[in-house]
Amino acid sequence: MYDYIIGMDEENLRHMRRILGEEHRAKVGLLLDDTPHPRAIADPWYTGNFDATFCDVKEGCEAFLTRLQRENII
């Protein structure tokens, strides 16, 4: 089983929670949850702004890495 299941937006979360059920609810979150401003990833399909999406993903990955380091996982 997985320790973390990460989605990009609220729709991802809804689907993952429905599939996984309550048992794994605590493992599911958004990539930007560990940032100072949790939010959904900007979707370039709708915004056309790939730079914003790149910045969101980069910010989320860096924050998640910091979390893993803080939790002594890596």
Protein backbone atom coordinates (compact mmCIF):
# COMPACT_ATOMS: atom_id res chain seq x y z
CA MET A 1 0.00 0.00 0.00
CA TYR A 2 1.04 3.61 -0.47
CA ASP A 3 1.85 6.21 2.17
CA TYR A 4 0.82 9.23 0.09
CA ILE A 5 -1.65 9.60 -2.75
CA ILE A 6 -1.43 13.05 -4.31
CA GLY A 7 -3.89 14.75 -6.64
CA MET A 8 -3.80 17.99 -8.52
CA ASP A 9 -7.31 19.34 -7.88
CA GLU A 10 -10.54 18.78 -5.98
CA GLU A 11 -11.96 16.56 -8.71
CA ASN A 12 -8.93 14.25 -8.38
CA LEU A 13 -9.48 14.13 -4.62
CA ARG A 14 -13.16 13.24 -4.95
CA HIS A 15 -12.43 10.38 -7.32
CA MET A 16 -9.52 9.03 -5.27
CA ARG A 17 -11.50 9.17 -2.03
CA ARG A 18 -14.44 7.41 -3.66
CA ILE A 19 -12.20 4.66 -5.02
CA LEU A 20 -10.10 4.25 -1.87
CA GLY A 21 -12.82 4.67 0.73
CA GLU A 22 -12.59 6.07 4.24
CA GLU A 23 -9.83 3.66 5.28
CA HIS A 24 -7.20 5.57 3.27
CA ARG A 25 -8.65 9.08 3.50
CA ALA A 26 -5.72 10.46 5.52
CA LYS A 27 -3.26 9.42 2.79
CA VAL A 28 -4.99 11.46 0.08
CA GLY A 29 -4.18 15.13 -0.49
CA LEU A 30 -3.35 17.83 -2.99
CA LEU A 31 0.18 18.48 -4.19
CA LEU A 32 0.00 22.03 -2.89
CA ASP A 33 -1.31 21.08 0.58
CA ASP A 34 2.14 21.49 2.15
CA THR A 35 2.69 24.97 0.73
CA PRO A 36 1.90 28.25 2.50
CA HIS A 37 -1.10 28.68 0.18
CA PRO A 38 -2.81 25.29 -0.39
CA ARG A 39 -4.83 25.23 -3.60
CA ALA A 40 -5.40 23.23 -6.76
CA ILE A 41 -2.75 23.11 -9.47
CA ALA A 42 -3.48 25.60 -12.26
CA ASP A 43 -4.78 23.45 -15.13
CA PRO A 44 -3.22 24.58 -18.43
CA TRP A 45 -6.00 22.84 -20.36
CA TYR A 46 -8.32 25.60 -19.14
CA THR A 47 -5.92 28.46 -18.38
CA GLY A 48 -3.48 28.06 -21.27
CA ASN A 49 -0.79 29.14 -18.81
CA PHE A 50 1.79 26.36 -18.74
CA ASP A 51 4.24 28.55 -16.82
CA ALA A 52 1.80 28.87 -13.91
CA THR A 53 1.26 25.11 -13.92
CA PHE A 54 5.01 24.49 -13.92
CA CYS A 55 5.46 26.89 -10.99
CA ASP A 56 2.63 25.21 -9.06
CA VAL A 57 4.05 21.72 -9.61
CA LYS A 58 7.57 22.86 -8.70
CA GLU A 59 6.32 24.59 -5.54
CA GLY A 60 4.30 21.51 -4.55
CA CYS A 61 7.17 19.08 -5.14
CA GLU A 62 9.59 21.22 -3.15
CA ALA A 63 7.13 21.53 -0.26
CA PHE A 64 6.41 17.80 -0.31
CA LEU A 65 10.14 17.04 -0.28
CA THR A 66 10.55 19.34 2.72
CA ARG A 67 7.72 17.48 4.46
CA LEU A 68 9.37 14.12 3.82
CA GLN A 69 12.67 15.45 5.16
CA ARG A 70 10.95 16.89 8.24
CA GLU A 71 9.27 13.52 8.88
CA ASN A 72 12.64 11.77 8.45
CA ILE A 73 11.31 9.69 5.59
CA ILE A 74 14.19 10.65 3.32
